[in-house]
Amino acid sequence: MTRLDRITSDPAVCHGRPRVRGLRYTVESLLELLSAGMSIDEVLGTTPTSM
């Protein structure tokens, strides 16, 4: 599996926005968290309901 295979979109999930396969994290929200200064470990410890 390549890195791009981990990105998917489905109109029925997250309004069709690109997301990490199997999760409800949108690529946009992950990039926002990282650009705000969160570490990868902090992001992985965050659940979608706490964002």
C-alpha atoms as a PDB file:
ATOM      1  CA  MET A   1       0.000   0.000   0.000  1.00  0.00           C
ATOM      2  CA  THR A   2       1.390   3.399  -0.947  1.00  0.00           C
ATOM      3  CA  ARG A   3       0.794   6.530   1.066  1.00  0.00           C
ATOM      4  CA  LEU A   4      -1.739   7.760  -1.467  1.00  0.00           C
ATOM      5  CA  ASP A   5      -3.702   4.510  -1.092  1.00  0.00           C
ATOM      6  CA  ARG A   6      -4.403   5.593   2.478  1.00  0.00           C
ATOM      7  CA  ILE A   7      -6.326   8.636   1.255  1.00  0.00           C
ATOM      8  CA  THR A   8      -9.908   8.035   0.160  1.00  0.00           C
ATOM      9  CA  SER A   9     -13.143   9.917  -0.347  1.00  0.00           C
ATOM     10  CA  ASP A  10     -16.726   8.763  -0.200  1.00  0.00           C
ATOM     11  CA  PRO A  11     -19.684  11.111  -0.681  1.00  0.00           C
ATOM     12  CA  ALA A  12     -21.439   9.396   2.241  1.00  0.00           C
ATOM     13  CA  VAL A  13     -18.585  10.036   4.703  1.00  0.00           C
ATOM     14  CA  CYS A  14     -17.302  13.452   5.816  1.00  0.00           C
ATOM     15  CA  HIS A  15     -19.209  15.179   2.992  1.00  0.00           C
ATOM     16  CA  GLY A  16     -16.925  13.514   0.430  1.00  0.00           C
ATOM     17  CA  ARG A  17     -13.786  15.292   1.631  1.00  0.00           C
ATOM     18  CA  PRO A  18     -10.504  13.374   1.296  1.00  0.00           C
ATOM     19  CA  ARG A  19      -9.807  11.455   4.496  1.00  0.00           C
ATOM     20  CA  VAL A  20      -7.529   8.816   5.939  1.00  0.00           C
ATOM     21  CA  ARG A  21      -8.883   5.390   4.959  1.00  0.00           C
ATOM     22  CA  GLY A  22     -10.850   3.759   7.762  1.00  0.00           C
ATOM     23  CA  LEU A  23     -10.971   6.925   9.858  1.00  0.00           C
ATOM     24  CA  ARG A  24     -13.105  10.033   9.906  1.00  0.00           C
ATOM     25  CA  TYR A  25     -10.105  12.333   9.923  1.00  0.00           C
ATOM     26  CA  THR A  26     -10.118  14.591   6.906  1.00  0.00           C
ATOM     27  CA  VAL A  27      -6.774  15.347   5.313  1.00  0.00           C
ATOM     28  CA  GLU A  28      -7.569  19.036   5.764  1.00  0.00           C
ATOM     29  CA  SER A  29      -8.099  18.719   9.538  1.00  0.00           C
ATOM     30  CA  LEU A  30      -4.885  16.730   9.982  1.00  0.00           C
ATOM     31  CA  LEU A  31      -2.878  19.309   8.047  1.00  0.00           C
ATOM     32  CA  GLU A  32      -4.450  22.117  10.094  1.00  0.00           C
ATOM     33  CA  LEU A  33      -3.482  20.414  13.350  1.00  0.00           C
ATOM     34  CA  LEU A  34       0.085  19.842  12.171  1.00  0.00           C
ATOM     35  CA  SER A  35       0.446  23.401  10.858  1.00  0.00           C
ATOM     36  CA  ALA A  36      -0.823  24.714  14.204  1.00  0.00           C
ATOM     37  CA  GLY A  37       2.179  23.077  15.849  1.00  0.00           C
ATOM     38  CA  MET A  38       0.796  19.775  17.123  1.00  0.00           C
ATOM     39  CA  SER A  39       3.173  16.850  16.977  1.00  0.00           C
ATOM     40  CA  ILE A  40       2.242  13.641  15.182  1.00  0.00           C
ATOM     41  CA  ASP A  41       2.004  11.902  18.575  1.00  0.00           C
ATOM     42  CA  GLU A  42      -0.426  14.569  19.796  1.00  0.00           C
ATOM     43  CA  VAL A  43      -2.539  14.245  16.668  1.00  0.00           C
ATOM     44  CA  LEU A  44      -2.664  10.461  16.986  1.00  0.00           C
ATOM     45  CA  GLY A  45      -3.826  10.843  20.579  1.00  0.00           C
ATOM     46  CA  THR A  46      -6.701  13.121  19.514  1.00  0.00           C
ATOM     47  CA  THR A  47     -10.077  11.596  18.755  1.00  0.00           C
ATOM     48  CA  PRO A  48     -12.416  13.108  16.154  1.00  0.00           C
ATOM     49  CA  THR A  49     -14.923  14.047  18.867  1.00  0.00           C
ATOM     50  CA  SER A  50     -12.328  16.062  20.776  1.00  0.00           C
ATOM     51  CA  MET A  51     -11.209  18.164  17.796  1.00  0.00           C
END
